């Protein structure tokens, strides 16, 4: 699988570290039920989903990659710094 890094261009996925779904946002301190959901409950969609990837063997940037979980086709990759806050 090739991931299109905005700085380095298309690179093999072995240069990256996968960090999971980009959708969950850390809940406020003190809300134990919301924290348990944040830590343990994850969606497992069949289709496009946004994921966090770290370019460990390249520019060391965090990316939000839109990948189809059915065939691993990547439709978009952007810097995680452009991700909107919760």
Protein backbone atom coordinates (compact mmCIF):
# COMPACT_ATOMS: atom_id res chain seq x y z
CA UNK A 1 0.00 0.00 0.00
CA UNK A 2 1.36 3.44 -0.95
CA UNK A 3 0.47 6.46 1.17
CA UNK A 4 0.68 9.92 -0.45
CA UNK A 5 2.62 12.06 2.02
CA UNK A 6 2.05 15.80 1.37
CA UNK A 7 5.78 16.49 1.90
CA UNK A 8 7.54 13.35 0.62
CA UNK A 9 5.17 12.13 -2.10
CA UNK A 10 3.87 8.55 -2.41
CA UNK A 11 5.66 6.23 0.05
CA UNK A 12 5.32 2.59 1.06
CA UNK A 13 3.19 2.00 4.15
CA UNK A 14 6.18 0.38 5.90
CA UNK A 15 7.56 3.91 6.45
CA UNK A 16 4.48 4.81 8.51
CA UNK A 17 3.11 3.87 11.93
CA UNK A 18 -0.65 3.28 12.08
CA UNK A 19 -2.41 4.90 15.02
CA UNK A 20 -6.07 4.06 14.39
CA UNK A 21 -9.33 5.84 13.79
CA UNK A 22 -9.06 9.63 13.57
CA UNK A 23 -12.66 10.28 14.66
CA UNK A 24 -12.63 9.71 18.46
CA UNK A 25 -11.93 12.80 20.57
CA UNK A 26 -10.71 12.59 24.15
CA UNK A 27 -13.56 13.44 26.56
CA UNK A 28 -13.39 15.96 29.37
CA UNK A 29 -11.65 14.98 32.61
CA UNK A 30 -13.99 13.50 35.20
CA UNK A 31 -16.46 11.81 32.86
CA UNK A 32 -15.64 8.14 33.55
CA UNK A 33 -18.36 6.68 31.30
CA UNK A 34 -17.30 8.80 28.33
CA UNK A 35 -13.65 7.90 28.96
CA UNK A 36 -14.48 4.17 28.99
CA UNK A 37 -16.32 4.54 25.68
CA UNK A 38 -13.38 6.51 24.25
CA UNK A 39 -10.86 3.85 25.26
CA UNK A 40 -12.77 0.63 24.55
CA UNK A 41 -15.51 1.23 21.96
CA UNK A 42 -14.52 1.56 18.32
CA UNK A 43 -16.53 1.48 15.12
CA UNK A 44 -15.42 -1.05 12.54
CA UNK A 45 -16.94 0.32 9.33
CA UNK A 46 -16.79 -1.36 5.96
CA UNK A 47 -15.91 1.49 3.64
CA UNK A 48 -14.05 4.80 3.80
CA UNK A 49 -12.71 5.90 7.17
CA UNK A 50 -10.24 8.51 8.37
CA UNK A 51 -7.17 7.14 10.15
CA UNK A 52 -4.12 8.66 11.83
CA UNK A 53 -0.73 7.69 10.42
CA UNK A 54 2.71 8.88 11.52
CA UNK A 55 5.46 9.14 8.90
CA UNK A 56 8.15 7.69 11.17
CA UNK A 57 10.72 6.91 8.47
CA UNK A 58 10.28 10.16 6.56
CA UNK A 59 9.26 13.71 7.43
CA UNK A 60 7.82 12.70 10.83
CA UNK A 61 4.48 14.32 10.13
CA UNK A 62 1.10 13.16 11.38
CA UNK A 63 -1.37 12.48 8.57
CA UNK A 64 -5.10 11.91 8.38
CA UNK A 65 -5.52 9.28 5.66
CA UNK A 66 -8.91 8.42 4.17
CA UNK A 67 -8.74 4.70 3.40
CA UNK A 68 -11.42 2.24 2.25
CA UNK A 69 -11.29 -0.68 4.68
CA UNK A 70 -12.67 -3.11 2.08
CA UNK A 71 -9.85 -2.80 -0.47
CA UNK A 72 -7.29 -0.50 1.24
CA UNK A 73 -7.65 2.13 -1.51
CA UNK A 74 -6.50 5.54 -0.28
CA UNK A 75 -8.56 8.46 -1.55
CA UNK A 76 -6.99 11.32 0.44
CA UNK A 77 -4.13 12.17 2.78
CA UNK A 78 -3.64 15.48 4.55
CA UNK A 79 -1.64 16.85 7.45
CA UNK A 80 -3.28 16.18 10.80
CA UNK A 81 -2.62 19.80 11.78
CA UNK A 82 -5.40 20.73 9.32
CA UNK A 83 -7.87 18.54 11.24
CA UNK A 84 -10.64 20.57 12.84
CA UNK A 85 -10.74 20.63 16.65
CA UNK A 86 -13.52 18.85 18.55
